[in-house]
Amino acid sequence: MVQKFACRDVGIDCDYIASGETEEELMANIGKHAKEVHSYTDEQLKDPELMEKVKAAIKKE
């Protein structure tokens, strides 16, 4: 089952859609994009509130 995440689903004006076969793969893809494109730091990506928002926006197909 493929899992997907779109930046727009958490209110970010960005067309990026991440996908992965596992949650770990998906979260790695999201983290890489967040750092490279949105300039998030490792510390920001560890924020529990942000992680909850991201995980709630994941869709399984």
PDB file of N, CA and C in Angstrom:
ATOM      1  N   MET A   1       0.847  -1.181   0.000  1.00  0.00           N
ATOM      2  CA  MET A   1       0.000   0.000   0.000  1.00  0.00           C
ATOM      3  C   MET A   1       0.893   1.245   0.000  1.00  0.00           C
ATOM      4  N   VAL A   2       0.678   2.110  -0.957  1.00  0.00           N
ATOM      5  CA  VAL A   2       1.458   3.341  -1.063  1.00  0.00           C
ATOM      6  C   VAL A   2       0.866   4.395  -0.133  1.00  0.00           C
ATOM      7  N   GLN A   3       1.748   5.112   0.542  1.00  0.00           N
ATOM      8  CA  GLN A   3       1.341   6.198   1.417  1.00  0.00           C
ATOM      9  C   GLN A   3       1.784   7.503   0.770  1.00  0.00           C
ATOM     10  N   LYS A   4       0.925   8.527   0.847  1.00  0.00           N
ATOM     11  CA  LYS A   4       1.227   9.812   0.209  1.00  0.00           C
ATOM     12  C   LYS A   4       1.000  10.965   1.173  1.00  0.00           C
ATOM     13  N   PHE A   5       1.765  12.029   0.923  1.00  0.00           N
ATOM     14  CA  PHE A   5       1.651  13.258   1.702  1.00  0.00           C
ATOM     15  C   PHE A   5       1.822  14.434   0.755  1.00  0.00           C
ATOM     16  N   ALA A   6       0.957  15.423   0.864  1.00  0.00           N
ATOM     17  CA  ALA A   6       1.058  16.641   0.057  1.00  0.00           C
ATOM     18  C   ALA A   6       1.266  17.836   0.979  1.00  0.00           C
ATOM     19  N   CYS A   7       2.225  18.677   0.637  1.00  0.00           N
ATOM     20  CA  CYS A   7       2.477  19.883   1.434  1.00  0.00           C
ATOM     21  C   CYS A   7       1.194  20.704   1.604  1.00  0.00           C
ATOM     22  N   ARG A   8       0.406  20.792   0.540  1.00  0.00           N
ATOM     23  CA  ARG A   8      -0.829  21.588   0.594  1.00  0.00           C
ATOM     24  C   ARG A   8      -1.791  21.099   1.684  1.00  0.00           C
ATOM     25  N   ASP A   9      -1.728  19.818   2.013  1.00  0.00           N
ATOM     26  CA  ASP A   9      -2.637  19.259   3.021  1.00  0.00           C
ATOM     27  C   ASP A   9      -2.346  19.766   4.426  1.00  0.00           C
ATOM     28  N   VAL A  10      -1.182  20.398   4.609  1.00  0.00           N
ATOM     29  CA  VAL A  10      -0.867  20.986   5.917  1.00  0.00           C
ATOM     30  C   VAL A  10      -0.736  22.506   5.799  1.00  0.00           C
ATOM     31  N   GLY A  11      -1.303  23.064   4.727  1.00  0.00           N
ATOM     32  CA  GLY A  11      -1.371  24.507   4.582  1.00  0.00           C
ATOM     33  C   GLY A  11      -0.159  25.181   3.971  1.00  0.00           C
ATOM     34  N   ILE A  12       0.742  24.411   3.364  1.00  0.00           N
ATOM     35  CA  ILE A  12       1.925  24.995   2.735  1.00  0.00           C
ATOM     36  C   ILE A  12       1.647  25.167   1.243  1.00  0.00           C
ATOM     37  N   ASP A  13       1.930  26.350   0.716  1.00  0.00           N
ATOM     38  CA  ASP A  13       1.700  26.648  -0.697  1.00  0.00           C
ATOM     39  C   ASP A  13       2.814  26.020  -1.532  1.00  0.00           C
ATOM     40  N   CYS A  14       2.678  24.721  -1.784  1.00  0.00           N
ATOM     41  CA  CYS A  14       3.703  23.941  -2.472  1.00  0.00           C
ATOM     42  C   CYS A  14       3.013  22.750  -3.132  1.00  0.00           C
ATOM     43  N   ASP A  15       3.414  22.438  -4.352  1.00  0.00           N
ATOM     44  CA  ASP A  15       2.783  21.348  -5.099  1.00  0.00           C
ATOM     45  C   ASP A  15       3.410  19.980  -4.847  1.00  0.00           C
ATOM     46  N   TYR A  16       4.390  19.904  -3.951  1.00  0.00           N
ATOM     47  CA  TYR A  16       5.106  18.647  -3.709  1.00  0.00           C
ATOM     48  C   TYR A  16       4.184  17.581  -3.124  1.00  0.00           C
ATOM     49  N   ILE A  17       4.321  16.364  -3.646  1.00  0.00           N
ATOM     50  CA  ILE A  17       3.623  15.198  -3.099  1.00  0.00           C
ATOM     51  C   ILE A  17       4.666  14.112  -2.889  1.00  0.00           C
ATOM     52  N   ALA A  18       4.816  13.678  -1.652  1.00  0.00           N
ATOM     53  CA  ALA A  18       5.761  12.611  -1.312  1.00  0.00           C
ATOM     54  C   ALA A  18       5.012  11.295  -1.303  1.00  0.00           C
ATOM     55  N   SER A  19       5.739  10.211  -1.602  1.00  0.00           N
ATOM     56  CA  SER A  19       5.135   8.891  -1.505  1.00  0.00           C
ATOM     57  C   SER A  19       6.171   7.907  -0.997  1.00  0.00           C
ATOM     58  N   GLY A  20       5.670   6.810  -0.450  1.00  0.00           N
ATOM     59  CA  GLY A  20       6.552   5.769   0.047  1.00  0.00           C
ATOM     60  C   GLY A  20       5.769   4.508   0.334  1.00  0.00           C
ATOM     61  N   GLU A  21       6.459   3.382   0.285  1.00  0.00           N
ATOM     62  CA  GLU A  21       5.825   2.090   0.570  1.00  0.00           C
ATOM     63  C   GLU A  21       5.617   1.899   2.070  1.00  0.00           C
ATOM     64  N   THR A  22       6.482   2.519   2.875  1.00  0.00           N
ATOM     65  CA  THR A  22       6.380   2.413   4.331  1.00  0.00           C
ATOM     66  C   THR A  22       6.335   3.816   4.925  1.00  0.00           C
ATOM     67  N   GLU A  23       5.885   3.915   6.168  1.00  0.00           N
ATOM     68  CA  GLU A  23       5.866   5.220   6.833  1.00  0.00           C
ATOM     69  C   GLU A  23       7.286   5.764   6.968  1.00  0.00           C
ATOM     70  N   GLU A  24       8.245   4.879   7.235  1.00  0.00           N
ATOM     71  CA  GLU A  24       9.635   5.311   7.385  1.00  0.00           C
ATOM     72  C   GLU A  24      10.157   5.926   6.086  1.00  0.00           C
ATOM     73  N   GLU A  25       9.878   5.266   4.959  1.00  0.00           N
ATOM     74  CA  GLU A  25      10.311   5.779   3.660  1.00  0.00           C
ATOM     75  C   GLU A  25       9.636   7.115   3.360  1.00  0.00           C
ATOM     76  N   LEU A  26       8.342   7.189   3.619  1.00  0.00           N
ATOM     77  CA  LEU A  26       7.592   8.415   3.375  1.00  0.00           C
ATOM     78  C   LEU A  26       8.123   9.556   4.233  1.00  0.00           C
ATOM     79  N   MET A  27       8.325   9.311   5.522  1.00  0.00           N
ATOM     80  CA  MET A  27       8.808  10.358   6.422  1.00  0.00           C
ATOM     81  C   MET A  27      10.203  10.831   6.019  1.00  0.00           C
ATOM     82  N   ALA A  28      11.043   9.925   5.531  1.00  0.00           N
ATOM     83  CA  ALA A  28      12.377  10.315   5.059  1.00  0.00           C
ATOM     84  C   ALA A  28      12.252  11.236   3.847  1.00  0.00           C
ATOM     85  N   ASN A  29      11.354  10.914   2.936  1.00  0.00           N
ATOM     86  CA  ASN A  29      11.139  11.749   1.748  1.00  0.00           C
ATOM     87  C   ASN A  29      10.587  13.124   2.128  1.00  0.00           C
ATOM     88  N   ILE A  30       9.657  13.147   3.069  1.00  0.00           N
ATOM     89  CA  ILE A  30       9.084  14.415   3.531  1.00  0.00           C
ATOM     90  C   ILE A  30      10.170  15.259   4.196  1.00  0.00           C
ATOM     91  N   GLY A  31      10.962  14.634   5.060  1.00  0.00           N
ATOM     92  CA  GLY A  31      12.024  15.353   5.765  1.00  0.00           C
ATOM     93  C   GLY A  31      13.048  15.947   4.810  1.00  0.00           C
ATOM     94  N   LYS A  32      13.443  15.177   3.819  1.00  0.00           N
ATOM     95  CA  LYS A  32      14.423  15.657   2.831  1.00  0.00           C
ATOM     96  C   LYS A  32      13.867  16.871   2.090  1.00  0.00           C
ATOM     97  N   HIS A  33      12.628  16.785   1.651  1.00  0.00           N
ATOM     98  CA  HIS A  33      11.990  17.899   0.942  1.00  0.00           C
ATOM     99  C   HIS A  33      11.860  19.122   1.858  1.00  0.00           C
ATOM    100  N   ALA A  34      11.422  18.903   3.086  1.00  0.00           N
ATOM    101  CA  ALA A  34      11.231  20.017   4.024  1.00  0.00           C
ATOM    102  C   ALA A  34      12.539  20.769   4.267  1.00  0.00           C
ATOM    103  N   LYS A  35      13.639  20.036   4.368  1.00  0.00           N
ATOM    104  CA  LYS A  35      14.950  20.672   4.580  1.00  0.00           C
ATOM    105  C   LYS A  35      15.415  21.414   3.333  1.00  0.00           C
ATOM    106  N   GLU A  36      15.348  20.740   2.180  1.00  0.00           N
ATOM    107  CA  GLU A  36      15.901  21.302   0.945  1.00  0.00           C
ATOM    108  C   GLU A  36      15.076  22.457   0.375  1.00  0.00           C
ATOM    109  N   VAL A  37      13.765  22.356   0.437  1.00  0.00           N
ATOM    110  CA  VAL A  37      12.912  23.349  -0.216  1.00  0.00           C
ATOM    111  C   VAL A  37      12.360  24.386   0.764  1.00  0.00           C
ATOM    112  N   HIS A  38      12.002  23.944   1.964  1.00  0.00           N
ATOM    113  CA  HIS A  38      11.365  24.847   2.925  1.00  0.00           C
ATOM    114  C   HIS A  38      12.306  25.285   4.046  1.00  0.00           C
ATOM    115  N   SER A  39      13.565  24.871   3.980  1.00  0.00           N
ATOM    116  CA  SER A  39      14.612  25.273   4.937  1.00  0.00           C
ATOM    117  C   SER A  39      14.311  24.896   6.386  1.00  0.00           C
ATOM    118  N   TYR A  40      13.596  23.791   6.594  1.00  0.00           N
ATOM    119  CA  TYR A  40      13.370  23.300   7.951  1.00  0.00           C
ATOM    120  C   TYR A  40      14.680  22.741   8.499  1.00  0.00           C
ATOM    121  N   THR A  41      14.862  22.863   9.801  1.00  0.00           N
ATOM    122  CA  THR A  41      16.036  22.290  10.460  1.00  0.00           C
ATOM    123  C   THR A  41      15.656  20.937  11.054  1.00  0.00           C
ATOM    124  N   ASP A  42      16.670  20.152  11.425  1.00  0.00           N
ATOM    125  CA  ASP A  42      16.401  18.866  12.086  1.00  0.00           C
ATOM    126  C   ASP A  42      15.586  19.090  13.354  1.00  0.00           C
ATOM    127  N   GLU A  43      15.906  20.146  14.084  1.00  0.00           N
ATOM    128  CA  GLU A  43      15.195  20.455  15.331  1.00  0.00           C
ATOM    129  C   GLU A  43      13.715  20.727  15.056  1.00  0.00           C
ATOM    130  N   GLN A  44      13.432  21.502  14.032  1.00  0.00           N
ATOM    131  CA  GLN A  44      12.038  21.801  13.684  1.00  0.00           C
ATOM    132  C   GLN A  44      11.288  20.533  13.282  1.00  0.00           C
ATOM    133  N   LEU A  45      11.977  19.633  12.590  1.00  0.00           N
ATOM    134  CA  LEU A  45      11.328  18.404  12.128  1.00  0.00           C
ATOM    135  C   LEU A  45      11.043  17.431  13.266  1.00  0.00           C
ATOM    136  N   LYS A  46      11.622  17.659  14.427  1.00  0.00           N
ATOM    137  CA  LYS A  46      11.375  16.803  15.594  1.00  0.00           C
ATOM    138  C   LYS A  46      10.230  17.322  16.457  1.00  0.00           C
ATOM    139  N   ASP A  47       9.668  18.468  16.087  1.00  0.00           N
ATOM    140  CA  ASP A  47       8.588  19.070  16.866  1.00  0.00           C
ATOM    141  C   ASP A  47       7.364  18.148  16.873  1.00  0.00           C
ATOM    142  N   PRO A  48       6.911  17.729  18.053  1.00  0.00           N
ATOM    143  CA  PRO A  48       5.781  16.784  18.134  1.00  0.00           C
ATOM    144  C   PRO A  48       4.502  17.307  17.481  1.00  0.00           C
ATOM    145  N   GLU A  49       4.237  18.587  17.608  1.00  0.00           N
ATOM    146  CA  GLU A  49       3.027  19.165  17.019  1.00  0.00           C
ATOM    147  C   GLU A  49       3.087  19.097  15.488  1.00  0.00           C
ATOM    148  N   LEU A  50       4.242  19.396  14.921  1.00  0.00           N
ATOM    149  CA  LEU A  50       4.422  19.312  13.468  1.00  0.00           C
ATOM    150  C   LEU A  50       4.284  17.867  13.000  1.00  0.00           C
ATOM    151  N   MET A  51       4.903  16.942  13.713  1.00  0.00           N
ATOM    152  CA  MET A  51       4.842  15.528  13.327  1.00  0.00           C
ATOM    153  C   MET A  51       3.409  15.008  13.373  1.00  0.00           C
ATOM    154  N   GLU A  52       2.655  15.438  14.364  1.00  0.00           N
ATOM    155  CA  GLU A  52       1.251  15.027  14.478  1.00  0.00           C
ATOM    156  C   GLU A  52       0.452  15.540  13.276  1.00  0.00           C
ATOM    157  N   LYS A  53       0.705  16.784  12.890  1.00  0.00           N
ATOM    158  CA  LYS A  53       0.023  17.396  11.746  1.00  0.00           C
ATOM    159  C   LYS A  53       0.377  16.656  10.449  1.00  0.00           C
ATOM    160  N   VAL A  54       1.656  16.345  10.276  1.00  0.00           N
ATOM    161  CA  VAL A  54       2.112  15.636   9.076  1.00  0.00           C
ATOM    162  C   VAL A  54       1.499  14.243   9.024  1.00  0.00           C
ATOM    163  N   LYS A  55       1.583  13.505  10.118  1.00  0.00           N
ATOM    164  CA  LYS A  55       1.061  12.132  10.136  1.00  0.00           C
ATOM    165  C   LYS A  55      -0.449  12.093   9.907  1.00  0.00           C
ATOM    166  N   ALA A  56      -1.161  13.114  10.387  1.00  0.00           N
ATOM    167  CA  ALA A  56      -2.611  13.168  10.186  1.00  0.00           C
ATOM    168  C   ALA A  56      -2.964  13.407   8.715  1.00  0.00           C
ATOM    169  N   ALA A  57      -2.037  14.002   7.957  1.00  0.00           N
ATOM    170  CA  ALA A  57      -2.292  14.323   6.550  1.00  0.00           C
ATOM    171  C   ALA A  57      -1.892  13.199   5.593  1.00  0.00           C
ATOM    172  N   ILE A  58      -1.291  12.135   6.111  1.00  0.00           N
ATOM    173  CA  ILE A  58      -0.861  11.022   5.261  1.00  0.00           C
ATOM    174  C   ILE A  58      -2.075  10.236   4.775  1.00  0.00           C
ATOM    175  N   LYS A  59      -2.077   9.961   3.486  1.00  0.00           N
ATOM    176  CA  LYS A  59      -3.165   9.174   2.881  1.00  0.00           C
ATOM    177  C   LYS A  59      -2.603   7.841   2.411  1.00  0.00           C
ATOM    178  N   LYS A  60      -3.338   6.779   2.660  1.00  0.00           N
ATOM    179  CA  LYS A  60      -2.922   5.439   2.228  1.00  0.00           C
ATOM    180  C   LYS A  60      -3.764   5.023   1.039  1.00  0.00           C
ATOM    181  N   GLU A  61      -3.081   4.586  -0.014  1.00  0.00           N
ATOM    182  CA  GLU A  61      -3.802   4.192  -1.238  1.00  0.00           C
ATOM    183  C   GLU A  61      -3.502   2.756  -1.590  1.00  0.00           C
TER     184      GLU A  61
END
